[in-house]
N, C-alpha and C. Protein backbone atom coordinates (compact mmCIF):
# COMPACT_ATOMS: atom_id res chain seq x y z
N MET A 1 6.53 -6.79 -10.26
CA MET A 1 6.49 -6.10 -11.60
C MET A 1 7.55 -4.74 -11.65
N SER A 2 7.98 -4.88 -12.66
CA SER A 2 8.66 -2.84 -12.53
C SER A 2 8.99 -2.79 -14.13
N LYS A 3 8.58 -1.61 -13.92
CA LYS A 3 8.22 -0.99 -14.66
C LYS A 3 9.42 0.86 -15.14
N GLU A 4 9.95 1.39 -16.05
CA GLU A 4 10.86 2.57 -16.14
C GLU A 4 10.11 3.39 -16.97
N ILE A 5 9.61 4.68 -15.85
CA ILE A 5 9.18 5.35 -16.58
C ILE A 5 9.68 6.56 -16.56
N ILE A 6 9.26 7.57 -17.61
CA ILE A 6 9.62 9.21 -16.82
C ILE A 6 8.78 9.97 -16.65
N MET A 7 9.64 10.91 -16.34
CA MET A 7 8.49 11.54 -15.88
C MET A 7 8.97 13.11 -16.17
N ASP A 8 7.26 14.00 -16.31
CA ASP A 8 8.07 14.74 -17.76
C ASP A 8 7.94 16.60 -16.91
N ILE A 9 8.28 17.68 -17.82
CA ILE A 9 8.68 18.86 -17.46
C ILE A 9 7.83 19.59 -16.65
N LYS A 10 6.71 19.22 -17.09
CA LYS A 10 5.70 19.64 -15.68
C LYS A 10 5.61 18.55 -13.91
N GLY A 11 7.11 17.75 -14.54
CA GLY A 11 6.67 16.96 -12.54
C GLY A 11 5.82 15.26 -12.27
N ARG A 12 5.10 15.83 -13.99
CA ARG A 12 3.78 14.52 -14.04
C ARG A 12 4.58 12.98 -13.86
N ILE A 13 3.94 12.04 -13.31
CA ILE A 13 3.66 11.01 -13.98
C ILE A 13 2.63 9.41 -14.73
N LEU A 14 2.81 9.02 -15.20
CA LEU A 14 2.06 8.09 -15.52
C LEU A 14 2.42 6.33 -15.38
N ILE A 15 1.30 6.42 -14.66
CA ILE A 15 1.52 4.38 -14.00
C ILE A 15 0.68 4.00 -15.21
N PRO A 16 1.52 3.09 -15.42
CA PRO A 16 1.29 1.94 -16.96
C PRO A 16 -0.15 1.57 -16.85
N LEU A 17 -0.81 1.56 -18.11
CA LEU A 17 -1.61 0.67 -17.42
C LEU A 17 -1.93 -0.60 -16.95
N GLU A 18 -0.94 -1.14 -17.26
CA GLU A 18 -0.38 -2.63 -17.04
C GLU A 18 -1.43 -2.96 -15.24
N ILE A 19 0.04 -2.13 -14.99
CA ILE A 19 -0.16 -1.10 -13.54
C ILE A 19 -0.68 -0.81 -13.02
N ARG A 20 -1.66 0.01 -13.03
CA ARG A 20 -3.25 -0.03 -13.25
C ARG A 20 -4.38 -0.48 -13.36
N LYS A 21 -3.86 -1.75 -13.92
CA LYS A 21 -5.40 -2.70 -14.05
C LYS A 21 -4.46 -3.82 -12.90
N GLN A 22 -3.85 -4.34 -12.56
CA GLN A 22 -3.19 -5.31 -12.01
C GLN A 22 -3.31 -4.97 -10.43
N LEU A 23 -4.11 -3.22 -9.70
CA LEU A 23 -3.99 -3.47 -9.11
C LEU A 23 -4.98 -1.94 -8.10
N ASN A 24 -5.64 -1.80 -9.25
CA ASN A 24 -7.27 -2.65 -9.63
C ASN A 24 -7.19 -0.51 -9.28
N LEU A 25 -6.73 0.18 -9.78
CA LEU A 25 -6.41 1.80 -9.46
C LEU A 25 -7.30 2.33 -10.22
N GLN A 26 -8.05 3.98 -10.00
CA GLN A 26 -8.93 3.78 -10.42
C GLN A 26 -8.87 5.67 -10.57
N PRO A 27 -9.31 6.73 -11.20
CA PRO A 27 -9.28 7.69 -11.23
C PRO A 27 -9.94 8.27 -9.93
N GLY A 28 -8.94 9.73 -9.34
CA GLY A 28 -9.99 9.78 -8.26
C GLY A 28 -9.18 9.17 -6.80
N GLU A 29 -7.99 8.48 -7.32
CA GLU A 29 -7.28 7.40 -6.64
C GLU A 29 -6.29 7.94 -4.91
N LYS A 30 -6.17 8.28 -3.97
CA LYS A 30 -4.99 9.09 -3.34
C LYS A 30 -4.38 8.33 -3.32
N PHE A 31 -2.43 9.13 -3.13
CA PHE A 31 -1.96 8.36 -2.93
C PHE A 31 -1.11 9.20 -1.90
N ILE A 32 0.21 8.68 -1.28
CA ILE A 32 1.03 9.29 -0.33
C ILE A 32 2.26 9.20 -0.74
N PHE A 33 3.67 10.43 -1.02
CA PHE A 33 4.64 9.64 -1.43
C PHE A 33 4.99 10.11 -0.19
N ALA A 34 6.64 8.55 -0.05
CA ALA A 34 7.35 9.31 0.92
C ALA A 34 8.80 8.50 0.39
N VAL A 35 9.64 9.50 1.44
CA VAL A 35 10.83 9.13 0.59
C VAL A 35 11.72 8.78 1.66
N GLU A 36 12.18 8.05 1.31
CA GLU A 36 13.18 6.63 2.30
C GLU A 36 14.25 6.40 1.44
N ASN A 37 16.24 6.56 2.50
CA ASN A 37 16.66 6.64 1.81
C ASN A 37 17.48 6.59 0.19
N GLY A 38 16.48 7.06 -0.27
CA GLY A 38 17.09 8.81 -1.29
C GLY A 38 16.54 7.23 -2.05
N ARG A 39 15.27 7.09 -2.00
CA ARG A 39 14.38 6.37 -2.17
C ARG A 39 12.43 7.20 -1.96
N LEU A 40 12.49 6.78 -3.97
CA LEU A 40 10.64 7.39 -4.05
C LEU A 40 9.32 6.15 -3.74
N ILE A 41 8.67 6.57 -2.73
CA ILE A 41 7.48 5.63 -2.94
C ILE A 41 6.22 5.64 -2.50
N LEU A 42 5.65 5.43 -3.76
CA LEU A 42 4.08 5.34 -3.90
C LEU A 42 3.30 4.61 -2.53
N LEU A 43 2.69 4.99 -1.95
CA LEU A 43 1.35 4.33 -0.92
C LEU A 43 0.45 4.22 -2.07
N LYS A 44 -0.05 3.72 -1.39
CA LYS A 44 -2.15 4.46 -1.83
C LYS A 44 -2.92 4.01 -1.00
N SER A 45 -3.69 5.49 -0.48
CA SER A 45 -3.71 5.92 0.46
C SER A 45 -5.16 4.92 0.63
N SER A 46 -5.34 4.21 2.19
CA SER A 46 -6.74 3.73 2.52
C SER A 46 -7.58 4.66 3.36
N SER A 47 -8.86 4.93 2.83
CA SER A 47 -9.65 5.36 3.85
C SER A 47 -9.86 4.05 4.94
N TYR A 48 -10.68 5.56 5.96
CA TYR A 48 -10.61 4.61 6.86
C TYR A 48 -11.16 3.10 8.09
N ASP A 49 -12.21 2.99 6.23
CA ASP A 49 -13.20 1.95 6.67
C ASP A 49 -12.26 0.96 5.54
N GLU A 50 -11.31 1.06 4.72
CA GLU A 50 -10.61 -0.43 4.19
C GLU A 50 -9.40 -0.40 5.73
N PHE A 51 -8.93 0.64 6.58
CA PHE A 51 -7.83 0.53 7.61
C PHE A 51 -8.89 -0.31 8.81
N LEU A 52 -9.67 -0.40 8.26
CA LEU A 52 -10.21 -1.66 9.69
C LEU A 52 -10.57 -2.48 9.05
N HIS A 53 -10.51 -2.48 7.71
CA HIS A 53 -10.96 -3.68 7.14
C HIS A 53 -9.90 -4.84 7.54
N GLU A 54 -8.73 -4.28 6.65
CA GLU A 54 -7.59 -4.66 7.34
C GLU A 54 -7.03 -5.76 8.43
N ILE A 55 -6.93 -3.73 9.45
CA ILE A 55 -7.07 -4.35 11.12
C ILE A 55 -7.98 -5.55 11.54
N ASN A 56 -9.19 -5.82 11.22
CA ASN A 56 -9.94 -7.60 11.47
C ASN A 56 -9.29 -8.63 11.04
N GLU A 57 -8.76 -7.99 9.54
CA GLU A 57 -8.52 -9.38 8.80
C GLU A 57 -7.11 -9.55 9.86
N PHE A 58 -6.14 -9.12 9.89
CA PHE A 58 -5.30 -8.52 10.86
C PHE A 58 -5.53 -10.08 12.52
N GLN A 59 -6.15 -9.11 12.94
CA GLN A 59 -6.39 -9.68 14.05
C GLN A 59 -7.00 -11.12 13.96
N GLN A 60 -8.12 -11.71 12.66
CA GLN A 60 -8.26 -13.16 12.46
C GLN A 60 -7.12 -13.61 12.18
N LYS A 61 -6.10 -13.60 11.34
CA LYS A 61 -5.25 -14.16 11.11
C LYS A 61 -4.39 -14.92 12.17
N LEU A 62 -4.10 -13.50 13.37
CA LEU A 62 -3.12 -13.30 15.02
C LEU A 62 -4.42 -14.62 15.87
N ARG A 63 -5.66 -14.63 16.09
CA ARG A 63 -6.79 -15.36 16.36
C ARG A 63 -5.82 -17.41 16.71
N LYS A 64 -5.30 -17.24 14.41
CA LYS A 64 -5.77 -18.32 13.80
C LYS A 64 -4.55 -18.82 14.66
N ILE A 65 -2.96 -18.57 14.90
CA ILE A 65 -1.95 -18.53 15.17
C ILE A 65 -2.23 -18.89 17.20
N SER A 66 -3.56 -17.80 17.78
CA SER A 66 -3.00 -18.24 19.36
C SER A 66 -4.34 -16.88 19.56
N ASN A 67 -4.94 -17.86 21.15
CA ASN A 67 -6.19 -16.75 22.05
C ASN A 67 -5.32 -15.82 22.91
N ASN A 68 -4.04 -16.44 22.98
CA ASN A 68 -3.40 -15.58 24.14
C ASN A 68 -2.46 -14.63 23.54
N PRO A 69 -2.84 -13.17 24.42
CA PRO A 69 -1.96 -12.92 23.17
C PRO A 69 -0.12 -12.42 22.75
N ILE A 70 -0.26 -11.89 21.70
CA ILE A 70 1.33 -12.35 20.86
C ILE A 70 1.69 -11.25 22.02
N SER A 71 3.04 -11.18 22.42
CA SER A 71 3.98 -9.49 22.19
C SER A 71 4.40 -9.41 20.88
N THR A 72 4.92 -7.62 20.84
CA THR A 72 4.60 -7.64 19.65
C THR A 72 6.08 -7.98 18.79
N GLU A 73 6.69 -8.17 19.99
CA GLU A 73 8.23 -8.50 18.83
C GLU A 73 7.77 -9.27 17.71
N LYS A 74 7.14 -10.62 18.79
CA LYS A 74 7.27 -11.97 17.97
C LYS A 74 6.47 -11.46 16.81
N LEU A 75 5.62 -10.19 16.49
CA LEU A 75 4.75 -10.17 15.38
C LEU A 75 5.88 -9.66 14.22
N PHE A 76 6.40 -8.72 14.42
CA PHE A 76 8.44 -8.24 13.61
C PHE A 76 9.14 -9.44 14.20
């Protein structure tokens, strides 16, 4: 989904309601702004616990592929 939005005079942007619902964004969420190739990228920040959960899920998926170590080159 994409949606055009307008930045106000104070530099604020509003994430449209349908996108907030789709991503389950709540007040107080933290974000990371990044600039890549002249584009602004907005990333939802992960807590340490969320990060560990994502790593564990990734490891489980890797174990389904192989019990042997997988080289980094094959992952990417």
